[in-house]
Amino acid sequence: MKKVFIYYSYTGNGDIVSKKYMDNGYDVYKVTTKKRPIPKSFFFGMLIGGMLSGMNHKSKINDIDINLDEYDKIIIGSPIWNSKLACPTNAMLSQIEQKFNNKLANKDVSFVLYSGSG
């Protein structure tokens, strides 16, 4: 059974989680943004990121160049901002839906959520 962990990380917590999945035999794919619309400062990043997530904003991300048809188990990782998925994760889910439409129906899909603030 082929497994993949697809994730976004702003603070690096997702990178820590991805290493655990990699150690357990998962392929790992990190989603990256085209430009950084959120400031590097943790405080202002969370403030602006939280506001944008609250409005269900979708960041511009680089194309996901992984073929999910090859995987039986897919885990999606995301930080939580303002009680919602991070903006790049919203874009990732939209891109996955467009590229793979109903092909994920027979897959084992799960989410792992993490937070920098505890």
PDB file of N, CA and C in Angstrom:
ATOM      1  N   MET A   1       0.856  -1.176   0.000  1.00  0.00           N
ATOM      2  CA  MET A   1       0.000   0.000   0.000  1.00  0.00           C
ATOM      3  C   MET A   1       0.901   1.238   0.000  1.00  0.00           C
ATOM      4  N   LYS A   2       0.694   2.119  -0.971  1.00  0.00           N
ATOM      5  CA  LYS A   2       1.487   3.330  -1.083  1.00  0.00           C
ATOM      6  C   LYS A   2       0.810   4.457  -0.306  1.00  0.00           C
ATOM      7  N   LYS A   3       1.630   5.209   0.474  1.00  0.00           N
ATOM      8  CA  LYS A   3       1.085   6.247   1.354  1.00  0.00           C
ATOM      9  C   LYS A   3       1.820   7.559   1.118  1.00  0.00           C
ATOM     10  N   VAL A   4       1.071   8.671   1.252  1.00  0.00           N
ATOM     11  CA  VAL A   4       1.679   9.993   1.086  1.00  0.00           C
ATOM     12  C   VAL A   4       1.137  10.961   2.133  1.00  0.00           C
ATOM     13  N   PHE A   5       2.022  11.837   2.600  1.00  0.00           N
ATOM     14  CA  PHE A   5       1.662  12.927   3.507  1.00  0.00           C
ATOM     15  C   PHE A   5       1.897  14.216   2.733  1.00  0.00           C
ATOM     16  N   ILE A   6       0.826  14.950   2.444  1.00  0.00           N
ATOM     17  CA  ILE A   6       0.893  16.231   1.736  1.00  0.00           C
ATOM     18  C   ILE A   6       0.589  17.311   2.775  1.00  0.00           C
ATOM     19  N   TYR A   7       1.449  18.323   2.856  1.00  0.00           N
ATOM     20  CA  TYR A   7       1.259  19.282   3.935  1.00  0.00           C
ATOM     21  C   TYR A   7       1.749  20.678   3.592  1.00  0.00           C
ATOM     22  N   TYR A   8       1.285  21.638   4.389  1.00  0.00           N
ATOM     23  CA  TYR A   8       1.790  23.008   4.374  1.00  0.00           C
ATOM     24  C   TYR A   8       2.297  23.299   5.774  1.00  0.00           C
ATOM     25  N   SER A   9       3.388  24.063   5.834  1.00  0.00           N
ATOM     26  CA  SER A   9       3.935  24.443   7.137  1.00  0.00           C
ATOM     27  C   SER A   9       4.380  25.898   7.092  1.00  0.00           C
ATOM     28  N   TYR A  10       3.948  26.672   8.066  1.00  0.00           N
ATOM     29  CA  TYR A  10       4.357  28.079   8.173  1.00  0.00           C
ATOM     30  C   TYR A  10       5.468  28.228   9.207  1.00  0.00           C
ATOM     31  N   THR A  11       5.311  27.590  10.349  1.00  0.00           N
ATOM     32  CA  THR A  11       6.275  27.755  11.443  1.00  0.00           C
ATOM     33  C   THR A  11       7.316  26.646  11.512  1.00  0.00           C
ATOM     34  N   GLY A  12       7.117  25.575  10.760  1.00  0.00           N
ATOM     35  CA  GLY A  12       8.034  24.440  10.807  1.00  0.00           C
ATOM     36  C   GLY A  12       7.469  23.246  11.548  1.00  0.00           C
ATOM     37  N   ASN A  13       6.336  23.408  12.215  1.00  0.00           N
ATOM     38  CA  ASN A  13       5.722  22.271  12.917  1.00  0.00           C
ATOM     39  C   ASN A  13       5.313  21.176  11.934  1.00  0.00           C
ATOM     40  N   GLY A  14       4.839  21.565  10.757  1.00  0.00           N
ATOM     41  CA  GLY A  14       4.469  20.577   9.742  1.00  0.00           C
ATOM     42  C   GLY A  14       5.677  19.796   9.252  1.00  0.00           C
ATOM     43  N   ASP A  15       6.839  20.465   9.211  1.00  0.00           N
ATOM     44  CA  ASP A  15       8.069  19.787   8.804  1.00  0.00           C
ATOM     45  C   ASP A  15       8.454  18.714   9.827  1.00  0.00           C
ATOM     46  N   ILE A  16       8.238  19.008  11.097  1.00  0.00           N
ATOM     47  CA  ILE A  16       8.516  18.034  12.162  1.00  0.00           C
ATOM     48  C   ILE A  16       7.584  16.829  12.017  1.00  0.00           C
ATOM     49  N   VAL A  17       6.311  17.100  11.765  1.00  0.00           N
ATOM     50  CA  VAL A  17       5.328  16.026  11.585  1.00  0.00           C
ATOM     51  C   VAL A  17       5.685  15.194  10.353  1.00  0.00           C
ATOM     52  N   SER A  18       6.124  15.863   9.283  1.00  0.00           N
ATOM     53  CA  SER A  18       6.444  15.143   8.038  1.00  0.00           C
ATOM     54  C   SER A  18       7.587  14.152   8.239  1.00  0.00           C
ATOM     55  N   LYS A  19       8.548  14.499   9.082  1.00  0.00           N
ATOM     56  CA  LYS A  19       9.663  13.584   9.349  1.00  0.00           C
ATOM     57  C   LYS A  19       9.174  12.302  10.010  1.00  0.00           C
ATOM     58  N   LYS A  20       8.191  12.418  10.887  1.00  0.00           N
ATOM     59  CA  LYS A  20       7.612  11.229  11.540  1.00  0.00           C
ATOM     60  C   LYS A  20       6.943  10.328  10.506  1.00  0.00           C
ATOM     61  N   TYR A  21       6.203  10.940   9.579  1.00  0.00           N
ATOM     62  CA  TYR A  21       5.549  10.148   8.535  1.00  0.00           C
ATOM     63  C   TYR A  21       6.582   9.506   7.615  1.00  0.00           C
ATOM     64  N   MET A  22       7.626  10.253   7.268  1.00  0.00           N
ATOM     65  CA  MET A  22       8.677   9.713   6.410  1.00  0.00           C
ATOM     66  C   MET A  22       9.338   8.500   7.065  1.00  0.00           C
ATOM     67  N   ASP A  23       9.558   8.596   8.386  1.00  0.00           N
ATOM     68  CA  ASP A  23      10.145   7.472   9.128  1.00  0.00           C
ATOM     69  C   ASP A  23       9.238   6.240   9.122  1.00  0.00           C
ATOM     70  N   ASN A  24       7.945   6.458   8.880  1.00  0.00           N
ATOM     71  CA  ASN A  24       6.975   5.358   8.858  1.00  0.00           C
ATOM     72  C   ASN A  24       6.597   4.935   7.440  1.00  0.00           C
ATOM     73  N   GLY A  25       7.442   5.257   6.468  1.00  0.00           N
ATOM     74  CA  GLY A  25       7.258   4.754   5.119  1.00  0.00           C
ATOM     75  C   GLY A  25       6.385   5.577   4.189  1.00  0.00           C
ATOM     76  N   TYR A  26       6.032   6.776   4.580  1.00  0.00           N
ATOM     77  CA  TYR A  26       5.215   7.641   3.725  1.00  0.00           C
ATOM     78  C   TYR A  26       6.106   8.437   2.783  1.00  0.00           C
ATOM     79  N   ASP A  27       5.624   8.663   1.570  1.00  0.00           N
ATOM     80  CA  ASP A  27       6.221   9.681   0.724  1.00  0.00           C
ATOM     81  C   ASP A  27       5.738  11.014   1.295  1.00  0.00           C
ATOM     82  N   VAL A  28       6.547  12.049   1.166  1.00  0.00           N
ATOM     83  CA  VAL A  28       6.199  13.351   1.740  1.00  0.00           C
ATOM     84  C   VAL A  28       6.262  14.407   0.645  1.00  0.00           C
ATOM     85  N   TYR A  29       5.242  15.271   0.612  1.00  0.00           N
ATOM     86  CA  TYR A  29       5.197  16.350  -0.366  1.00  0.00           C
ATOM     87  C   TYR A  29       4.787  17.631   0.350  1.00  0.00           C
ATOM     88  N   LYS A  30       5.642  18.650   0.266  1.00  0.00           N
ATOM     89  CA  LYS A  30       5.360  19.932   0.924  1.00  0.00           C
ATOM     90  C   LYS A  30       4.794  20.925  -0.091  1.00  0.00           C
ATOM     91  N   VAL A  31       3.675  21.525   0.247  1.00  0.00           N
ATOM     92  CA  VAL A  31       3.048  22.544  -0.584  1.00  0.00           C
ATOM     93  C   VAL A  31       3.726  23.879  -0.282  1.00  0.00           C
ATOM     94  N   THR A  32       4.069  24.608  -1.336  1.00  0.00           N
ATOM     95  CA  THR A  32       4.713  25.911  -1.159  1.00  0.00           C
ATOM     96  C   THR A  32       3.881  26.996  -1.831  1.00  0.00           C
ATOM     97  N   THR A  33       3.982  28.192  -1.287  1.00  0.00           N
ATOM     98  CA  THR A  33       3.257  29.327  -1.853  1.00  0.00           C
ATOM     99  C   THR A  33       4.108  29.985  -2.933  1.00  0.00           C
ATOM    100  N   LYS A  34       3.431  30.635  -3.886  1.00  0.00           N
ATOM    101  CA  LYS A  34       4.152  31.333  -4.965  1.00  0.00           C
ATOM    102  C   LYS A  34       4.868  32.557  -4.427  1.00  0.00           C
ATOM    103  N   LYS A  35       4.224  33.262  -3.536  1.00  0.00           N
ATOM    104  CA  LYS A  35       4.866  34.389  -2.857  1.00  0.00           C
ATOM    105  C   LYS A  35       4.381  34.381  -1.426  1.00  0.00           C
ATOM    106  N   ARG A  36       5.087  35.037  -0.577  1.00  0.00           N
ATOM    107  CA  ARG A  36       4.753  35.006   0.842  1.00  0.00           C
ATOM    108  C   ARG A  36       3.855  36.203   1.180  1.00  0.00           C
ATOM    109  N   PRO A  37       2.528  36.006   1.140  1.00  0.00           N
ATOM    110  CA  PRO A  37       1.621  37.118   1.437  1.00  0.00           C
ATOM    111  C   PRO A  37       1.513  37.387   2.938  1.00  0.00           C
ATOM    112  N   ILE A  38       2.069  36.486   3.717  1.00  0.00           N
ATOM    113  CA  ILE A  38       1.959  36.598   5.175  1.00  0.00           C
ATOM    114  C   ILE A  38       3.339  36.965   5.717  1.00  0.00           C
ATOM    115  N   PRO A  39       3.424  37.988   6.583  1.00  0.00           N
ATOM    116  CA  PRO A  39       4.720  38.434   7.101  1.00  0.00           C
ATOM    117  C   PRO A  39       5.483  37.325   7.830  1.00  0.00           C
ATOM    118  N   LYS A  40       6.808  37.446   7.843  1.00  0.00           N
ATOM    119  CA  LYS A  40       7.651  36.465   8.528  1.00  0.00           C
ATOM    120  C   LYS A  40       7.525  36.566  10.041  1.00  0.00           C
ATOM    121  N   SER A  41       7.211  37.739  10.538  1.00  0.00           N
ATOM    122  CA  SER A  41       7.026  37.925  11.980  1.00  0.00           C
ATOM    123  C   SER A  41       5.898  37.017  12.460  1.00  0.00           C
ATOM    124  N   PHE A  42       6.168  36.216  13.499  1.00  0.00           N
ATOM    125  CA  PHE A  42       5.169  35.273  13.994  1.00  0.00           C
ATOM    126  C   PHE A  42       3.875  35.991  14.376  1.00  0.00           C
ATOM    127  N   PHE A  43       3.978  37.092  15.133  1.00  0.00           N
ATOM    128  CA  PHE A  43       2.787  37.810  15.602  1.00  0.00           C
ATOM    129  C   PHE A  43       1.962  38.322  14.425  1.00  0.00           C
ATOM    130  N   PHE A  44       2.608  39.069  13.513  1.00  0.00           N
ATOM    131  CA  PHE A  44       1.870  39.627  12.382  1.00  0.00           C
ATOM    132  C   PHE A  44       1.447  38.540  11.390  1.00  0.00           C
ATOM    133  N   GLY A  45       2.257  37.501  11.278  1.00  0.00           N
ATOM    134  CA  GLY A  45       1.886  36.379  10.421  1.00  0.00           C
ATOM    135  C   GLY A  45       0.604  35.719  10.896  1.00  0.00           C
ATOM    136  N   MET A  46       0.505  35.481  12.198  1.00  0.00           N
ATOM    137  CA  MET A  46      -0.698  34.856  12.747  1.00  0.00           C
ATOM    138  C   MET A  46      -1.898  35.806  12.674  1.00  0.00           C
ATOM    139  N   LEU A  47      -1.643  37.082  12.878  1.00  0.00           N
ATOM    140  CA  LEU A  47      -2.723  38.072  12.814  1.00  0.00           C
ATOM    141  C   LEU A  47      -3.307  38.129  11.395  1.00  0.00           C
ATOM    142  N   ILE A  48      -2.441  38.316  10.410  1.00  0.00           N
ATOM    143  CA  ILE A  48      -2.909  38.424   9.025  1.00  0.00           C
ATOM    144  C   ILE A  48      -3.382  37.069   8.507  1.00  0.00           C
ATOM    145  N   GLY A  49      -2.610  36.011   8.780  1.00  0.00           N
ATOM    146  CA  GLY A  49      -3.019  34.672   8.355  1.00  0.00           C
ATOM    147  C   GLY A  49      -4.354  34.272   8.953  1.00  0.00           C
ATOM    148  N   GLY A  50      -4.557  34.591  10.225  1.00  0.00           N
ATOM    149  CA  GLY A  50      -5.827  34.282  10.884  1.00  0.00           C
ATOM    150  C   GLY A  50      -6.988  35.028  10.266  1.00  0.00           C
ATOM    151  N   MET A  51      -6.752  36.295   9.938  1.00  0.00           N
ATOM    152  CA  MET A  51      -7.805  37.097   9.317  1.00  0.00           C
ATOM    153  C   MET A  51      -8.159  36.522   7.941  1.00  0.00           C
ATOM    154  N   LEU A  52      -7.134  36.215   7.145  1.00  0.00           N
ATOM    155  CA  LEU A  52      -7.379  35.670   5.804  1.00  0.00           C
ATOM    156  C   LEU A  52      -8.049  34.298   5.871  1.00  0.00           C
ATOM    157  N   SER A  53      -7.626  33.454   6.805  1.00  0.00           N
ATOM    158  CA  SER A  53      -8.252  32.143   6.953  1.00  0.00           C
ATOM    159  C   SER A  53      -9.701  32.272   7.384  1.00  0.00           C
ATOM    160  N   GLY A  54      -9.972  33.240   8.241  1.00  0.00           N
ATOM    161  CA  GLY A  54     -11.345  33.491   8.683  1.00  0.00           C
ATOM    162  C   GLY A  54     -12.263  33.838   7.521  1.00  0.00           C
ATOM    163  N   MET A  55     -11.657  34.398   6.453  1.00  0.00           N
ATOM    164  CA  MET A  55     -12.425  34.758   5.259  1.00  0.00           C
ATOM    165  C   MET A  55     -12.333  33.664   4.191  1.00  0.00           C
ATOM    166  N   ASN A  56     -11.777  32.483   4.567  1.00  0.00           N
ATOM    167  CA  ASN A  56     -11.611  31.342   3.654  1.00  0.00           C
ATOM    168  C   ASN A  56     -10.796  31.699   2.409  1.00  0.00           C
ATOM    169  N   HIS A  57      -9.806  32.566   2.589  1.00  0.00           N
ATOM    170  CA  HIS A  57      -8.906  32.979   1.504  1.00  0.00           C
ATOM    171  C   HIS A  57      -8.088  31.788   1.012  1.00  0.00           C
ATOM    172  N   LYS A  58      -7.794  31.762  -0.276  1.00  0.00           N
ATOM    173  CA  LYS A  58      -6.938  30.727  -0.854  1.00  0.00           C
ATOM    174  C   LYS A  58      -5.660  31.389  -1.351  1.00  0.00           C
ATOM    175  N   SER A  59      -4.544  31.062  -0.735  1.00  0.00           N
ATOM    176  CA  SER A  59      -3.252  31.598  -1.171  1.00  0.00           C
ATOM    177  C   SER A  59      -2.891  31.040  -2.536  1.00  0.00           C
ATOM    178  N   LYS A  60      -2.023  31.754  -3.237  1.00  0.00           N
ATOM    179  CA  LYS A  60      -1.510  31.239  -4.508  1.00  0.00           C
ATOM    180  C   LYS A  60      -0.387  30.277  -4.189  1.00  0.00           C
ATOM    181  N   ILE A  61      -0.582  29.026  -4.595  1.00  0.00           N
ATOM    182  CA  ILE A  61       0.427  27.996  -4.322  1.00  0.00           C
ATOM    183  C   ILE A  61       1.010  27.495  -5.640  1.00  0.00           C
ATOM    184  N   ASN A  62       2.185  26.901  -5.536  1.00  0.00           N
ATOM    185  CA  ASN A  62       2.793  26.268  -6.703  1.00  0.00           C
ATOM    186  C   ASN A  62       1.992  25.015  -7.041  1.00  0.00           C
ATOM    187  N   ASP A  63       2.010  24.641  -8.308  1.00  0.00           N
ATOM    188  CA  ASP A  63       1.253  23.458  -8.739  1.00  0.00           C
ATOM    189  C   ASP A  63       1.695  22.219  -7.970  1.00  0.00           C
ATOM    190  N   ILE A  64       0.723  21.418  -7.609  1.00  0.00           N
ATOM    191  CA  ILE A  64       0.998  20.150  -6.939  1.00  0.00           C
ATOM    192  C   ILE A  64       1.348  19.154  -8.038  1.00  0.00           C
ATOM    193  N   ASP A  65       2.617  18.792  -8.097  1.00  0.00           N
ATOM    194  CA  ASP A  65       3.070  17.917  -9.176  1.00  0.00           C
ATOM    195  C   ASP A  65       3.284  16.482  -8.691  1.00  0.00           C
ATOM    196  N   ILE A  66       2.303  15.990  -7.988  1.00  0.00           N
ATOM    197  CA  ILE A  66       2.331  14.620  -7.488  1.00  0.00           C
ATOM    198  C   ILE A  66       1.077  13.933  -8.014  1.00  0.00           C
ATOM    199  N   ASN A  67       1.206  12.685  -8.409  1.00  0.00           N
ATOM    200  CA  ASN A  67       0.068  11.944  -8.930  1.00  0.00           C
ATOM    201  C   ASN A  67      -0.582  11.161  -7.788  1.00  0.00           C
ATOM    202  N   LEU A  68      -1.672  11.656  -7.295  1.00  0.00           N
ATOM    203  CA  LEU A  68      -2.349  11.008  -6.170  1.00  0.00           C
ATOM    204  C   LEU A  68      -3.019   9.695  -6.555  1.00  0.00           C
ATOM    205  N   ASP A  69      -3.152   9.447  -7.854  1.00  0.00           N
ATOM    206  CA  ASP A  69      -3.714   8.169  -8.302  1.00  0.00           C
ATOM    207  C   ASP A  69      -2.853   7.001  -7.845  1.00  0.00           C
ATOM    208  N   GLU A  70      -1.568   7.243  -7.633  1.00  0.00           N
ATOM    209  CA  GLU A  70      -0.628   6.188  -7.247  1.00  0.00           C
ATOM    210  C   GLU A  70      -0.748   5.767  -5.786  1.00  0.00           C
ATOM    211  N   TYR A  71      -1.458   6.550  -4.988  1.00  0.00           N
ATOM    212  CA  TYR A  71      -1.484   6.325  -3.542  1.00  0.00           C
ATOM    213  C   TYR A  71      -2.813   5.766  -3.069  1.00  0.00           C
ATOM    214  N   ASP A  72      -2.723   4.855  -2.094  1.00  0.00           N
ATOM    215  CA  ASP A  72      -3.917   4.281  -1.478  1.00  0.00           C
ATOM    216  C   ASP A  72      -4.329   5.083  -0.252  1.00  0.00           C
ATOM    217  N   LYS A  73      -3.338   5.615   0.456  1.00  0.00           N
ATOM    218  CA  LYS A  73      -3.593   6.371   1.684  1.00  0.00           C
ATOM    219  C   LYS A  73      -2.993   7.761   1.531  1.00  0.00           C
ATOM    220  N   ILE A  74      -3.830   8.778   1.758  1.00  0.00           N
ATOM    221  CA  ILE A  74      -3.410  10.173   1.623  1.00  0.00           C
ATOM    222  C   ILE A  74      -3.714  10.887   2.933  1.00  0.00           C
ATOM    223  N   ILE A  75      -2.696  11.504   3.503  1.00  0.00           N
ATOM    224  CA  ILE A  75      -2.888  12.305   4.712  1.00  0.00           C
ATOM    225  C   ILE A  75      -2.521  13.737   4.367  1.00  0.00           C
ATOM    226  N   ILE A  76      -3.409  14.657   4.702  1.00  0.00           N
ATOM    227  CA  ILE A  76      -3.211  16.076   4.435  1.00  0.00           C
ATOM    228  C   ILE A  76      -2.937  16.774   5.755  1.00  0.00           C
ATOM    229  N   GLY A  77      -1.822  17.497   5.813  1.00  0.00           N
ATOM    230  CA  GLY A  77      -1.430  18.203   7.033  1.00  0.00           C
ATOM    231  C   GLY A  77      -1.593  19.705   6.875  1.00  0.00           C
ATOM    232  N   SER A  78      -2.090  20.338   7.933  1.00  0.00           N
ATOM    233  CA  SER A  78      -2.315  21.783   7.881  1.00  0.00           C
ATOM    234  C   SER A  78      -2.243  22.406   9.265  1.00  0.00           C
ATOM    235  N   PRO A  79      -1.690  23.627   9.330  1.00  0.00           N
ATOM    236  CA  PRO A  79      -1.833  24.394  10.570  1.00  0.00           C
ATOM    237  C   PRO A  79      -3.266  24.912  10.681  1.00  0.00           C
ATOM    238  N   ILE A  80      -3.648  25.224  11.886  1.00  0.00           N
ATOM    239  CA  ILE A  80      -4.962  25.822  12.142  1.00  0.00           C
ATOM    240  C   ILE A  80      -4.743  27.306  12.449  1.00  0.00           C
ATOM    241  N   TRP A  81      -5.423  28.142  11.699  1.00  0.00           N
ATOM    242  CA  TRP A  81      -5.352  29.590  11.896  1.00  0.00           C
ATOM    243  C   TRP A  81      -6.775  30.099  12.116  1.00  0.00           C
ATOM    244  N   ASN A  82      -6.999  30.761  13.222  1.00  0.00           N
ATOM    245  CA  ASN A  82      -8.318  31.335  13.504  1.00  0.00           C
ATOM    246  C   ASN A  82      -9.401  30.256  13.440  1.00  0.00           C
ATOM    247  N   SER A  83      -9.100  29.091  13.980  1.00  0.00           N
ATOM    248  CA  SER A  83     -10.017  27.942  14.019  1.00  0.00           C
ATOM    249  C   SER A  83     -10.370  27.396  12.646  1.00  0.00           C
ATOM    250  N   LYS A  84      -9.564  27.684  11.638  1.00  0.00           N
ATOM    251  CA  LYS A  84      -9.802  27.203  10.281  1.00  0.00           C
ATOM    252  C   LYS A  84      -8.497  26.678   9.689  1.00  0.00           C
ATOM    253  N   LEU A  85      -8.609  25.987   8.561  1.00  0.00           N
ATOM    254  CA  LEU A  85      -7.419  25.536   7.854  1.00  0.00           C
ATOM    255  C   LEU A  85      -6.649  26.758   7.343  1.00  0.00           C
ATOM    256  N   ALA A  86      -5.330  26.638   7.254  1.00  0.00           N
ATOM    257  CA  ALA A  86      -4.491  27.720   6.744  1.00  0.00           C
ATOM    258  C   ALA A  86      -4.836  28.021   5.281  1.00  0.00           C
ATOM    259  N   CYS A  87      -4.643  29.269   4.868  1.00  0.00           N
ATOM    260  CA  CYS A  87      -4.966  29.705   3.499  1.00  0.00           C
ATOM    261  C   CYS A  87      -4.311  28.837   2.421  1.00  0.00           C
ATOM    262  N   PRO A  88      -3.024  28.480   2.532  1.00  0.00           N
ATOM    263  CA  PRO A  88      -2.439  27.611   1.512  1.00  0.00           C
ATOM    264  C   PRO A  88      -3.097  26.232   1.469  1.00  0.00           C
ATOM    265  N   THR A  89      -3.587  25.750   2.595  1.00  0.00           N
ATOM    266  CA  THR A  89      -4.278  24.453   2.610  1.00  0.00           C
ATOM    267  C   THR A  89      -5.595  24.551   1.856  1.00  0.00           C
ATOM    268  N   ASN A  90      -6.301  25.679   1.999  1.00  0.00           N
ATOM    269  CA  ASN A  90      -7.532  25.881   1.226  1.00  0.00           C
ATOM    270  C   ASN A  90      -7.241  25.778  -0.267  1.00  0.00           C
ATOM    271  N   ALA A  91      -6.149  26.416  -0.697  1.00  0.00           N
ATOM    272  CA  ALA A  91      -5.760  26.374  -2.111  1.00  0.00           C
ATOM    273  C   ALA A  91      -5.352  24.960  -2.521  1.00  0.00           C
ATOM    274  N   MET A  92      -4.643  24.261  -1.630  1.00  0.00           N
ATOM    275  CA  MET A  92      -4.215  22.893  -1.913  1.00  0.00           C
ATOM    276  C   MET A  92      -5.435  21.998  -2.134  1.00  0.00           C
ATOM    277  N   LEU A  93      -6.424  22.098  -1.270  1.00  0.00           N
ATOM    278  CA  LEU A  93      -7.620  21.265  -1.400  1.00  0.00           C
ATOM    279  C   LEU A  93      -8.373  21.576  -2.694  1.00  0.00           C
ATOM    280  N   SER A  94      -8.431  22.850  -3.076  1.00  0.00           N
ATOM    281  CA  SER A  94      -9.086  23.223  -4.336  1.00  0.00           C
ATOM    282  C   SER A  94      -8.343  22.641  -5.528  1.00  0.00           C
ATOM    283  N   GLN A  95      -7.000  22.727  -5.476  1.00  0.00           N
ATOM    284  CA  GLN A  95      -6.199  22.193  -6.576  1.00  0.00           C
ATOM    285  C   GLN A  95      -6.334  20.671  -6.678  1.00  0.00           C
ATOM    286  N   ILE A  96      -6.344  19.997  -5.541  1.00  0.00           N
ATOM    287  CA  ILE A  96      -6.517  18.545  -5.530  1.00  0.00           C
ATOM    288  C   ILE A  96      -7.892  18.181  -6.100  1.00  0.00           C
ATOM    289  N   GLU A  97      -8.909  18.930  -5.704  1.00  0.00           N
ATOM    290  CA  GLU A  97     -10.265  18.664  -6.205  1.00  0.00           C
ATOM    291  C   GLU A  97     -10.330  18.843  -7.718  1.00  0.00           C
ATOM    292  N   GLN A  98      -9.697  19.895  -8.233  1.00  0.00           N
ATOM    293  CA  GLN A  98      -9.716  20.142  -9.675  1.00  0.00           C
ATOM    294  C   GLN A  98      -8.946  19.075 -10.446  1.00  0.00           C
ATOM    295  N   LYS A  99      -7.779  18.690  -9.945  1.00  0.00           N
ATOM    296  CA  LYS A  99      -6.931  17.741 -10.663  1.00  0.00           C
ATOM    297  C   LYS A  99      -7.428  16.302 -10.570  1.00  0.00           C
ATOM    298  N   PHE A 100      -7.955  15.937  -9.405  1.00  0.00           N
ATOM    299  CA  PHE A 100      -8.281  14.533  -9.172  1.00  0.00           C
ATOM    300  C   PHE A 100      -9.766  14.289  -8.989  1.00  0.00           C
ATOM    301  N   ASN A 101     -10.554  15.331  -9.017  1.00  0.00           N
ATOM    302  CA  ASN A 101     -12.005  15.294  -8.945  1.00  0.00           C
ATOM    303  C   ASN A 101     -12.520  14.136  -8.098  1.00  0.00           C
ATOM    304  N   ASN A 102     -13.191  13.173  -8.679  1.00  0.00           N
ATOM    305  CA  ASN A 102     -13.792  12.085  -7.906  1.00  0.00           C
ATOM    306  C   ASN A 102     -12.883  10.872  -7.765  1.00  0.00           C
ATOM    307  N   LYS A 103     -11.632  10.987  -8.201  1.00  0.00           N
ATOM    308  CA  LYS A 103     -10.713   9.853  -8.143  1.00  0.00           C
ATOM    309  C   LYS A 103     -10.296   9.511  -6.721  1.00  0.00           C
ATOM    310  N   LEU A 104     -10.559  10.386  -5.775  1.00  0.00           N
ATOM    311  CA  LEU A 104     -10.164  10.138  -4.387  1.00  0.00           C
ATOM    312  C   LEU A 104     -11.237   9.387  -3.606  1.00  0.00           C
ATOM    313  N   ALA A 105     -12.351   9.110  -4.243  1.00  0.00           N
ATOM    314  CA  ALA A 105     -13.475   8.483  -3.548  1.00  0.00           C
ATOM    315  C   ALA A 105     -13.113   7.132  -2.929  1.00  0.00           C
ATOM    316  N   ASN A 106     -12.248   6.377  -3.569  1.00  0.00           N
ATOM    317  CA  ASN A 106     -11.883   5.045  -3.068  1.00  0.00           C
ATOM    318  C   ASN A 106     -10.571   5.043  -2.291  1.00  0.00           C
ATOM    319  N   LYS A 107     -10.106   6.212  -1.929  1.00  0.00           N
ATOM    320  CA  LYS A 107      -8.845   6.329  -1.199  1.00  0.00           C
ATOM    321  C   LYS A 107      -9.122   6.532   0.288  1.00  0.00           C
ATOM    322  N   ASP A 108      -8.146   6.174   1.089  1.00  0.00           N
ATOM    323  CA  ASP A 108      -8.188   6.438   2.529  1.00  0.00           C
ATOM    324  C   ASP A 108      -7.568   7.817   2.728  1.00  0.00           C
ATOM    325  N   VAL A 109      -8.400   8.833   2.966  1.00  0.00           N
ATOM    326  CA  VAL A 109      -7.935  10.210   3.108  1.00  0.00           C
ATOM    327  C   VAL A 109      -8.182  10.687   4.548  1.00  0.00           C
ATOM    328  N   SER A 110      -7.126  11.238   5.147  1.00  0.00           N
ATOM    329  CA  SER A 110      -7.216  11.735   6.529  1.00  0.00           C
ATOM    330  C   SER A 110      -6.548  13.105   6.625  1.00  0.00           C
ATOM    331  N   PHE A 111      -6.812  13.785   7.733  1.00  0.00           N
ATOM    332  CA  PHE A 111      -6.190  15.075   7.999  1.00  0.00           C
ATOM    333  C   PHE A 111      -5.409  15.023   9.294  1.00  0.00           C
ATOM    334  N   VAL A 112      -4.294  15.738   9.326  1.00  0.00           N
ATOM    335  CA  VAL A 112      -3.527  15.947  10.553  1.00  0.00           C
ATOM    336  C   VAL A 112      -3.423  17.457  10.708  1.00  0.00           C
ATOM    337  N   LEU A 113      -3.855  17.962  11.841  1.00  0.00           N
ATOM    338  CA  LEU A 113      -3.856  19.397  12.098  1.00  0.00           C
ATOM    339  C   LEU A 113      -2.857  19.710  13.204  1.00  0.00           C
ATOM    340  N   TYR A 114      -2.141  20.820  13.048  1.00  0.00           N
ATOM    341  CA  TYR A 114      -1.139  21.202  14.050  1.00  0.00           C
ATOM    342  C   TYR A 114      -1.185  22.715  14.247  1.00  0.00           C
ATOM    343  N   SER A 115      -0.586  23.154  15.340  1.00  0.00           N
ATOM    344  CA  SER A 115      -0.657  24.554  15.710  1.00  0.00           C
ATOM    345  C   SER A 115       0.665  24.997  16.316  1.00  0.00           C
ATOM    346  N   GLY A 116       1.045  26.228  16.023  1.00  0.00           N
ATOM    347  CA  GLY A 116       2.264  26.778  16.598  1.00  0.00           C
ATOM    348  C   GLY A 116       2.037  27.380  17.971  1.00  0.00           C
ATOM    349  N   SER A 117       0.782  27.609  18.327  1.00  0.00           N
ATOM    350  CA  SER A 117       0.497  28.294  19.591  1.00  0.00           C
ATOM    351  C   SER A 117       0.076  27.367  20.712  1.00  0.00           C
ATOM    352  N   GLY A 118      -0.063  26.103  20.418  1.00  0.00           N
ATOM    353  CA  GLY A 118      -0.447  25.152  21.478  1.00  0.00           C
ATOM    354  C   GLY A 118      -1.917  24.934  21.592  1.00  0.00           C
TER     355      GLY A 118
END
